[in-house]
Amino acid sequence: MPTVSHVEPGPVVFGWRLVLGEEFTYALTTRLISGDSETVRQEHWTYLVRDVDEFGVFTIRGVLTAFGVNSRFNGVEASAANMESATASELERLSDLEVIMGLSMDGRVSWSDGLPWADNLPHTLIGLPLPLDAVVPGTIWSDPSGLRPLSGVFPDELGVDLEEEHRFAGLTNVNGDLRATVVTEGLVRSEELLVPVIRVNGHSEWSLSRGVLLSRTLTVALDDPERLLSEVGRQLVVTISRVE
């Protein structure tokens, strides 16, 4: 059992510690929930740190190393036989692709190419915008850059406003690993007043000792006061977790 203890608040500095040639793996889980129905995609991607430019932006290449899908319709689990064909087809498609991202040490993702929008979205969770200065628990910083991928939900002709706040919620010591919890709240909305709003809530765990993202979960939901969309009531829950 891990030994967990709280840590006295004090200024800490966030930042990635990346090494050229380093490889690391994350598990990506995407859950689409609608009432008693749920579809879950589980993927493992291994990333290679390929190079770094003069601005300190690292180029990271990711390839699929494991994949699975399961579904539940009206509370009933889909049979393995029904999922087998769809799973095999999706595995073949993703195995031919790769994702290339630009990740800075402050957690901002400069670009992410190689995958269609829906496939790419879970990868962008690796880009938790980190505070640029030393901070203490309770500190709040605003940076909507992590929500840019969600703006792709809206048509290009609509202007989109992004709002996102991150709060340093606390420190813990887990077997000598100093870990920070970050809570995120955000909005993605169009300038058109009748267009539904996307609300985002998130929770992240960051290793200050190692300079890596341990896990991050975002829950994405539509807020539609005019009841224009049938998708209201659905939730998209995306989680990225480091595989040790």
C-alpha atoms as a PDB file:
ATOM      1  CA  MET A   1       0.000   0.000   0.000  1.00  0.00           C
ATOM      2  CA  PRO A   2       1.341   3.471  -0.860  1.00  0.00           C
ATOM      3  CA  THR A   3       2.147   5.805   2.008  1.00  0.00           C
ATOM      4  CA  VAL A   4       0.262   9.094   1.541  1.00  0.00           C
ATOM      5  CA  SER A   5       0.744  12.210   3.661  1.00  0.00           C
ATOM      6  CA  HIS A   6      -0.207  15.850   3.288  1.00  0.00           C
ATOM      7  CA  VAL A   7       2.549  18.411   2.775  1.00  0.00           C
ATOM      8  CA  GLU A   8       2.821  21.848   4.358  1.00  0.00           C
ATOM      9  CA  PRO A   9       1.984  24.506   1.740  1.00  0.00           C
ATOM     10  CA  GLY A  10       4.945  26.255   0.169  1.00  0.00           C
ATOM     11  CA  PRO A  11       5.930  27.750  -3.189  1.00  0.00           C
ATOM     12  CA  VAL A  12       6.527  25.090  -5.849  1.00  0.00           C
ATOM     13  CA  VAL A  13       7.451  25.223  -9.520  1.00  0.00           C
ATOM     14  CA  PHE A  14       5.645  23.180 -12.166  1.00  0.00           C
ATOM     15  CA  GLY A  15       7.315  22.065 -15.390  1.00  0.00           C
ATOM     16  CA  TRP A  16       7.900  19.095 -17.662  1.00  0.00           C
ATOM     17  CA  ARG A  17      11.261  17.337 -17.499  1.00  0.00           C
ATOM     18  CA  LEU A  18      11.694  15.839 -20.934  1.00  0.00           C
ATOM     19  CA  VAL A  19      14.787  14.129 -22.342  1.00  0.00           C
ATOM     20  CA  LEU A  20      15.530  13.609 -26.029  1.00  0.00           C
ATOM     21  CA  GLY A  21      15.045   9.964 -26.940  1.00  0.00           C
ATOM     22  CA  GLU A  22      12.824   9.296 -23.913  1.00  0.00           C
ATOM     23  CA  GLU A  23       9.767   7.075 -24.365  1.00  0.00           C
ATOM     24  CA  PHE A  24       6.694   7.017 -22.142  1.00  0.00           C
ATOM     25  CA  THR A  25       3.211   5.533 -22.373  1.00  0.00           C
ATOM     26  CA  TYR A  26      -0.226   6.897 -21.470  1.00  0.00           C
ATOM     27  CA  ALA A  27      -3.541   5.095 -21.244  1.00  0.00           C
ATOM     28  CA  LEU A  28      -6.312   7.100 -22.935  1.00  0.00           C
ATOM     29  CA  THR A  29      -9.882   6.307 -21.898  1.00  0.00           C
ATOM     30  CA  THR A  30     -12.857   7.957 -23.602  1.00  0.00           C
ATOM     31  CA  ARG A  31     -16.364   7.421 -22.205  1.00  0.00           C
ATOM     32  CA  LEU A  32     -19.481   8.659 -23.999  1.00  0.00           C
ATOM     33  CA  ILE A  33     -22.356   8.482 -21.518  1.00  0.00           C
ATOM     34  CA  SER A  34     -26.034   8.916 -22.363  1.00  0.00           C
ATOM     35  CA  GLY A  35     -28.459   7.787 -19.669  1.00  0.00           C
ATOM     36  CA  ASP A  36     -28.074   4.025 -19.178  1.00  0.00           C
ATOM     37  CA  SER A  37     -25.938   3.678 -22.308  1.00  0.00           C
ATOM     38  CA  GLU A  38     -22.177   4.048 -22.440  1.00  0.00           C
ATOM     39  CA  THR A  39     -19.392   3.443 -24.944  1.00  0.00           C
ATOM     40  CA  VAL A  40     -15.828   3.163 -23.654  1.00  0.00           C
ATOM     41  CA  ARG A  41     -12.661   3.298 -25.764  1.00  0.00           C
ATOM     42  CA  GLN A  42      -9.391   2.318 -24.117  1.00  0.00           C
ATOM     43  CA  GLU A  43      -6.108   3.007 -25.875  1.00  0.00           C
ATOM     44  CA  HIS A  44      -2.431   2.889 -24.968  1.00  0.00           C
ATOM     45  CA  TRP A  45      -0.108   5.217 -26.867  1.00  0.00           C
ATOM     46  CA  THR A  46       3.674   5.295 -26.551  1.00  0.00           C
ATOM     47  CA  TYR A  47       5.323   8.650 -27.165  1.00  0.00           C
ATOM     48  CA  LEU A  48       8.910   9.333 -28.252  1.00  0.00           C
ATOM     49  CA  VAL A  49      10.592  12.692 -27.541  1.00  0.00           C
ATOM     50  CA  ARG A  50      12.169  13.331 -30.945  1.00  0.00           C
ATOM     51  CA  ASP A  51      13.688  16.821 -30.830  1.00  0.00           C
ATOM     52  CA  VAL A  52      13.450  20.293 -29.332  1.00  0.00           C
ATOM     53  CA  ASP A  53      13.538  23.696 -31.041  1.00  0.00           C
ATOM     54  CA  GLU A  54      15.215  26.943 -29.990  1.00  0.00           C
ATOM     55  CA  PHE A  55      12.048  27.996 -28.128  1.00  0.00           C
ATOM     56  CA  GLY A  56      12.035  24.906 -25.902  1.00  0.00           C
ATOM     57  CA  VAL A  57       9.149  23.174 -27.685  1.00  0.00           C
ATOM     58  CA  PHE A  58       9.629  19.404 -27.828  1.00  0.00           C
ATOM     59  CA  THR A  59       8.357  17.344 -30.763  1.00  0.00           C
ATOM     60  CA  ILE A  60       6.678  14.163 -29.541  1.00  0.00           C
ATOM     61  CA  ARG A  61       5.591  11.268 -31.758  1.00  0.00           C
ATOM     62  CA  GLY A  62       2.919   8.856 -30.517  1.00  0.00           C
ATOM     63  CA  VAL A  63       1.954   5.413 -31.826  1.00  0.00           C
ATOM     64  CA  LEU A  64      -0.827   3.066 -30.739  1.00  0.00           C
ATOM     65  CA  THR A  65       0.281   0.072 -28.643  1.00  0.00           C
ATOM     66  CA  ALA A  66      -3.055  -1.284 -27.305  1.00  0.00           C
ATOM     67  CA  PHE A  67      -6.757  -0.799 -28.060  1.00  0.00           C
ATOM     68  CA  GLY A  68     -10.175  -1.977 -26.876  1.00  0.00           C
ATOM     69  CA  VAL A  69     -13.855  -0.980 -26.965  1.00  0.00           C
ATOM     70  CA  ASN A  70     -16.857  -1.996 -24.914  1.00  0.00           C
ATOM     71  CA  SER A  71     -20.435  -0.734 -24.840  1.00  0.00           C
ATOM     72  CA  ARG A  72     -23.528  -0.861 -22.684  1.00  0.00           C
ATOM     73  CA  PHE A  73     -26.952  -0.125 -24.214  1.00  0.00           C
ATOM     74  CA  ASN A  74     -29.887   0.575 -21.885  1.00  0.00           C
ATOM     75  CA  GLY A  75     -27.931  -1.048 -19.073  1.00  0.00           C
ATOM     76  CA  VAL A  76     -27.078  -4.227 -21.020  1.00  0.00           C
ATOM     77  CA  GLU A  77     -23.461  -5.032 -21.896  1.00  0.00           C
ATOM     78  CA  ALA A  78     -22.810  -5.561 -25.596  1.00  0.00           C
ATOM     79  CA  SER A  79     -21.577  -9.064 -26.374  1.00  0.00           C
ATOM     80  CA  ALA A  80     -17.940  -9.619 -27.312  1.00  0.00           C
ATOM     81  CA  ALA A  81     -19.052 -11.076 -30.644  1.00  0.00           C
ATOM     82  CA  ASN A  82     -20.947  -7.904 -31.534  1.00  0.00           C
ATOM     83  CA  MET A  83     -17.938  -5.699 -30.683  1.00  0.00           C
ATOM     84  CA  GLU A  84     -15.254  -7.873 -32.276  1.00  0.00           C
ATOM     85  CA  SER A  85     -15.613  -6.673 -35.856  1.00  0.00           C
ATOM     86  CA  ALA A  86     -15.828  -2.975 -34.952  1.00  0.00           C
ATOM     87  CA  THR A  87     -12.860  -3.279 -32.597  1.00  0.00           C
ATOM     88  CA  ALA A  88     -10.709  -5.023 -35.218  1.00  0.00           C
ATOM     89  CA  SER A  89     -11.554  -2.405 -37.849  1.00  0.00           C
ATOM     90  CA  GLU A  90     -10.758   0.493 -35.519  1.00  0.00           C
ATOM     91  CA  LEU A  91      -7.518  -1.126 -34.371  1.00  0.00           C
ATOM     92  CA  GLU A  92      -6.398  -1.542 -37.983  1.00  0.00           C
ATOM     93  CA  ARG A  93      -7.242   2.087 -38.791  1.00  0.00           C
ATOM     94  CA  LEU A  94      -5.429   3.594 -35.806  1.00  0.00           C
ATOM     95  CA  SER A  95      -2.407   1.303 -36.173  1.00  0.00           C
ATOM     96  CA  ASP A  96      -1.652   3.004 -39.497  1.00  0.00           C
ATOM     97  CA  LEU A  97      -1.638   6.465 -37.938  1.00  0.00           C
ATOM     98  CA  GLU A  98       0.611   8.442 -35.611  1.00  0.00           C
ATOM     99  CA  VAL A  99       0.233  11.664 -33.675  1.00  0.00           C
ATOM    100  CA  ILE A 100       2.889  14.404 -33.702  1.00  0.00           C
ATOM    101  CA  MET A 101       2.663  17.057 -30.984  1.00  0.00           C
ATOM    102  CA  GLY A 102       4.626  20.086 -29.942  1.00  0.00           C
ATOM    103  CA  LEU A 103       4.821  20.220 -26.128  1.00  0.00           C
ATOM    104  CA  SER A 104       6.568  22.980 -24.187  1.00  0.00           C
ATOM    105  CA  MET A 105       7.966  22.576 -20.684  1.00  0.00           C
ATOM    106  CA  ASP A 106       5.153  24.793 -19.353  1.00  0.00           C
ATOM    107  CA  GLY A 107       2.582  22.248 -20.565  1.00  0.00           C
ATOM    108  CA  ARG A 108       1.234  24.127 -23.590  1.00  0.00           C
ATOM    109  CA  VAL A 109       0.604  22.097 -26.740  1.00  0.00           C
ATOM    110  CA  SER A 110       1.673  24.161 -29.761  1.00  0.00           C
ATOM    111  CA  TRP A 111       0.320  21.747 -32.364  1.00  0.00           C
ATOM    112  CA  SER A 112      -1.075  18.249 -32.704  1.00  0.00           C
ATOM    113  CA  ASP A 113      -1.175  16.640 -36.150  1.00  0.00           C
ATOM    114  CA  GLY A 114      -1.717  13.273 -37.784  1.00  0.00           C
ATOM    115  CA  LEU A 115      -5.109  12.220 -36.419  1.00  0.00           C
ATOM    116  CA  PRO A 116      -8.728  13.197 -37.179  1.00  0.00           C
ATOM    117  CA  TRP A 117     -10.254  15.625 -34.681  1.00  0.00           C
ATOM    118  CA  ALA A 118     -12.142  13.062 -32.572  1.00  0.00           C
ATOM    119  CA  ASP A 119      -9.137  10.726 -32.335  1.00  0.00           C
ATOM    120  CA  ASN A 120      -6.800  13.594 -31.531  1.00  0.00           C
ATOM    121  CA  LEU A 121      -8.835  15.092 -28.673  1.00  0.00           C
ATOM    122  CA  PRO A 122      -7.722  12.651 -25.914  1.00  0.00           C
ATOM    123  CA  HIS A 123      -4.053  13.260 -26.765  1.00  0.00           C
ATOM    124  CA  THR A 124      -4.412  16.989 -26.145  1.00  0.00           C
ATOM    125  CA  LEU A 125      -5.104  16.321 -22.452  1.00  0.00           C
ATOM    126  CA  ILE A 126      -1.355  15.889 -22.060  1.00  0.00           C
ATOM    127  CA  GLY A 127      -1.264  19.676 -22.458  1.00  0.00           C
ATOM    128  CA  LEU A 128      -2.199  20.848 -18.967  1.00  0.00           C
ATOM    129  CA  PRO A 129      -1.306  24.582 -18.975  1.00  0.00           C
ATOM    130  CA  LEU A 130       1.035  25.000 -16.005  1.00  0.00           C
ATOM    131  CA  PRO A 131       1.629  28.164 -13.965  1.00  0.00           C
ATOM    132  CA  LEU A 132       4.633  30.134 -15.193  1.00  0.00           C
ATOM    133  CA  ASP A 133       5.795  31.196 -11.708  1.00  0.00           C
ATOM    134  CA  ALA A 134       6.212  29.516  -8.333  1.00  0.00           C
ATOM    135  CA  VAL A 135       2.786  28.982  -6.729  1.00  0.00           C
ATOM    136  CA  VAL A 136       1.250  27.837  -3.448  1.00  0.00           C
ATOM    137  CA  PRO A 137      -1.929  25.779  -2.908  1.00  0.00           C
ATOM    138  CA  GLY A 138      -4.971  27.920  -3.606  1.00  0.00           C
ATOM    139  CA  THR A 139      -3.349  29.787  -6.490  1.00  0.00           C
ATOM    140  CA  ILE A 140      -5.611  30.265  -9.534  1.00  0.00           C
ATOM    141  CA  TRP A 141      -4.387  30.967 -13.050  1.00  0.00           C
ATOM    142  CA  SER A 142      -6.319  31.507 -16.276  1.00  0.00           C
ATOM    143  CA  ASP A 143      -5.246  29.943 -19.550  1.00  0.00           C
ATOM    144  CA  PRO A 144      -7.807  28.740 -22.113  1.00  0.00           C
ATOM    145  CA  SER A 145      -5.235  27.175 -24.459  1.00  0.00           C
ATOM    146  CA  GLY A 146      -6.162  23.678 -23.289  1.00  0.00           C
ATOM    147  CA  LEU A 147      -9.734  24.196 -24.535  1.00  0.00           C
ATOM    148  CA  ARG A 148      -8.822  25.095 -28.113  1.00  0.00           C
ATOM    149  CA  PRO A 149      -9.386  21.540 -29.402  1.00  0.00           C
ATOM    150  CA  LEU A 150     -13.007  21.685 -28.189  1.00  0.00           C
ATOM    151  CA  SER A 151     -13.691  24.763 -30.309  1.00  0.00           C
ATOM    152  CA  GLY A 152     -13.713  22.373 -33.280  1.00  0.00           C
ATOM    153  CA  VAL A 153     -17.233  21.378 -32.226  1.00  0.00           C
ATOM    154  CA  PHE A 154     -18.541  24.673 -33.603  1.00  0.00           C
ATOM    155  CA  PRO A 155     -18.700  25.608 -37.306  1.00  0.00           C
ATOM    156  CA  ASP A 156     -15.716  27.623 -38.512  1.00  0.00           C
ATOM    157  CA  GLU A 157     -17.881  30.644 -39.317  1.00  0.00           C
ATOM    158  CA  LEU A 158     -18.901  31.080 -35.664  1.00  0.00           C
ATOM    159  CA  GLY A 159     -16.699  33.079 -33.337  1.00  0.00           C
ATOM    160  CA  VAL A 160     -15.813  31.156 -30.184  1.00  0.00           C
ATOM    161  CA  ASP A 161     -14.935  32.398 -26.699  1.00  0.00           C
ATOM    162  CA  LEU A 162     -12.815  30.220 -24.403  1.00  0.00           C
ATOM    163  CA  GLU A 163     -12.661  30.575 -20.623  1.00  0.00           C
ATOM    164  CA  GLU A 164     -10.611  28.289 -18.393  1.00  0.00           C
ATOM    165  CA  GLU A 165      -9.338  28.518 -14.834  1.00  0.00           C
ATOM    166  CA  HIS A 166      -6.962  26.181 -13.058  1.00  0.00           C
ATOM    167  CA  ARG A 167      -6.633  25.970  -9.277  1.00  0.00           C
ATOM    168  CA  PHE A 168      -3.726  24.441  -7.379  1.00  0.00           C
ATOM    169  CA  ALA A 169      -5.856  22.438  -4.959  1.00  0.00           C
ATOM    170  CA  GLY A 170      -3.262  20.770  -2.741  1.00  0.00           C
ATOM    171  CA  LEU A 171      -0.054  18.825  -2.175  1.00  0.00           C
ATOM    172  CA  THR A 172       0.492  15.232  -1.086  1.00  0.00           C
ATOM    173  CA  ASN A 173       3.519  13.024  -0.597  1.00  0.00           C
ATOM    174  CA  VAL A 174       3.050   9.518  -2.025  1.00  0.00           C
ATOM    175  CA  ASN A 175       6.002   7.269  -1.152  1.00  0.00           C
ATOM    176  CA  GLY A 176       8.343  10.236  -1.443  1.00  0.00           C
ATOM    177  CA  ASP A 177       6.808  11.530  -4.673  1.00  0.00           C
ATOM    178  CA  LEU A 178       5.569  15.111  -4.203  1.00  0.00           C
ATOM    179  CA  ARG A 179       2.263  15.391  -6.079  1.00  0.00           C
ATOM    180  CA  ALA A 180       0.056  18.384  -6.861  1.00  0.00           C
ATOM    181  CA  THR A 181      -3.663  18.312  -7.537  1.00  0.00           C
ATOM    182  CA  VAL A 182      -5.018  20.805 -10.092  1.00  0.00           C
ATOM    183  CA  VAL A 183      -8.744  21.439 -10.584  1.00  0.00           C
ATOM    184  CA  THR A 184      -9.993  22.911 -13.857  1.00  0.00           C
ATOM    185  CA  GLU A 185     -13.228  24.647 -14.858  1.00  0.00           C
ATOM    186  CA  GLY A 186     -13.936  25.999 -18.318  1.00  0.00           C
ATOM    187  CA  LEU A 187     -16.458  27.178 -20.874  1.00  0.00           C
ATOM    188  CA  VAL A 188     -16.476  27.038 -24.653  1.00  0.00           C
ATOM    189  CA  ARG A 189     -19.197  29.177 -26.177  1.00  0.00           C
ATOM    190  CA  SER A 190     -20.061  30.783 -29.452  1.00  0.00           C
ATOM    191  CA  GLU A 191     -20.824  34.459 -29.934  1.00  0.00           C
ATOM    192  CA  GLU A 192     -24.268  33.301 -31.109  1.00  0.00           C
ATOM    193  CA  LEU A 193     -26.435  33.504 -27.999  1.00  0.00           C
ATOM    194  CA  LEU A 194     -28.714  30.554 -28.858  1.00  0.00           C
ATOM    195  CA  VAL A 195     -25.875  28.122 -29.485  1.00  0.00           C
ATOM    196  CA  PRO A 196     -25.327  25.672 -26.590  1.00  0.00           C
ATOM    197  CA  VAL A 197     -22.387  26.156 -24.233  1.00  0.00           C
ATOM    198  CA  ILE A 198     -19.790  23.464 -23.588  1.00  0.00           C
ATOM    199  CA  ARG A 199     -18.957  23.166 -19.879  1.00  0.00           C
ATOM    200  CA  VAL A 200     -15.724  21.500 -18.817  1.00  0.00           C
ATOM    201  CA  ASN A 201     -14.651  20.246 -15.396  1.00  0.00           C
ATOM    202  CA  GLY A 202     -11.343  18.567 -14.771  1.00  0.00           C
ATOM    203  CA  HIS A 203      -9.007  17.059 -12.217  1.00  0.00           C
ATOM    204  CA  SER A 204      -5.275  16.475 -12.703  1.00  0.00           C
ATOM    205  CA  GLU A 205      -2.440  14.943 -10.712  1.00  0.00           C
ATOM    206  CA  TRP A 206       1.075  16.220 -11.377  1.00  0.00           C
ATOM    207  CA  SER A 207       4.361  14.835 -10.061  1.00  0.00           C
ATOM    208  CA  LEU A 208       6.494  17.755  -8.943  1.00  0.00           C
ATOM    209  CA  SER A 209       9.317  15.376  -8.049  1.00  0.00           C
ATOM    210  CA  ARG A 210       9.517  13.894 -11.555  1.00  0.00           C
ATOM    211  CA  GLY A 211       8.133  16.691 -13.713  1.00  0.00           C
ATOM    212  CA  VAL A 212       5.429  14.587 -15.393  1.00  0.00           C
ATOM    213  CA  LEU A 213       1.660  14.493 -15.733  1.00  0.00           C
ATOM    214  CA  LEU A 214       0.394  11.443 -13.842  1.00  0.00           C
ATOM    215  CA  SER A 215      -3.272  11.699 -14.762  1.00  0.00           C
ATOM    216  CA  ARG A 216      -5.870  14.108 -16.052  1.00  0.00           C
ATOM    217  CA  THR A 217      -9.624  13.758 -16.465  1.00  0.00           C
ATOM    218  CA  LEU A 218     -11.963  16.158 -18.260  1.00  0.00           C
ATOM    219  CA  THR A 219     -15.743  15.903 -18.188  1.00  0.00           C
ATOM    220  CA  VAL A 220     -17.371  17.688 -21.121  1.00  0.00           C
ATOM    221  CA  ALA A 221     -21.105  18.417 -21.201  1.00  0.00           C
ATOM    222  CA  LEU A 222     -23.499  20.562 -23.248  1.00  0.00           C
ATOM    223  CA  ASP A 223     -25.513  23.252 -21.504  1.00  0.00           C
ATOM    224  CA  ASP A 224     -28.442  24.010 -23.815  1.00  0.00           C
ATOM    225  CA  PRO A 225     -31.046  26.277 -22.157  1.00  0.00           C
ATOM    226  CA  GLU A 226     -33.049  26.523 -25.413  1.00  0.00           C
ATOM    227  CA  ARG A 227     -33.194  22.702 -25.778  1.00  0.00           C
ATOM    228  CA  LEU A 228     -32.005  22.887 -29.368  1.00  0.00           C
ATOM    229  CA  LEU A 229     -30.009  19.661 -29.359  1.00  0.00           C
ATOM    230  CA  SER A 230     -30.979  16.098 -28.581  1.00  0.00           C
ATOM    231  CA  GLU A 231     -27.414  15.483 -27.345  1.00  0.00           C
ATOM    232  CA  VAL A 232     -28.104  17.412 -24.130  1.00  0.00           C
ATOM    233  CA  GLY A 233     -27.751  15.031 -21.214  1.00  0.00           C
ATOM    234  CA  ARG A 234     -24.796  13.267 -22.776  1.00  0.00           C
ATOM    235  CA  GLN A 235     -21.360  13.510 -21.215  1.00  0.00           C
ATOM    236  CA  LEU A 236     -17.927  12.912 -22.646  1.00  0.00           C
ATOM    237  CA  VAL A 237     -15.374  11.865 -20.024  1.00  0.00           C
ATOM    238  CA  VAL A 238     -11.773  11.686 -21.204  1.00  0.00           C
ATOM    239  CA  THR A 239      -8.930  10.432 -19.007  1.00  0.00           C
ATOM    240  CA  ILE A 240      -5.205  10.207 -19.685  1.00  0.00           C
ATOM    241  CA  SER A 241      -3.077   8.254 -17.197  1.00  0.00           C
ATOM    242  CA  ARG A 242       0.631   7.547 -17.252  1.00  0.00           C
ATOM    243  CA  VAL A 243       1.508   3.850 -17.527  1.00  0.00           C
ATOM    244  CA  GLU A 244       4.513   2.980 -15.376  1.00  0.00           C
END
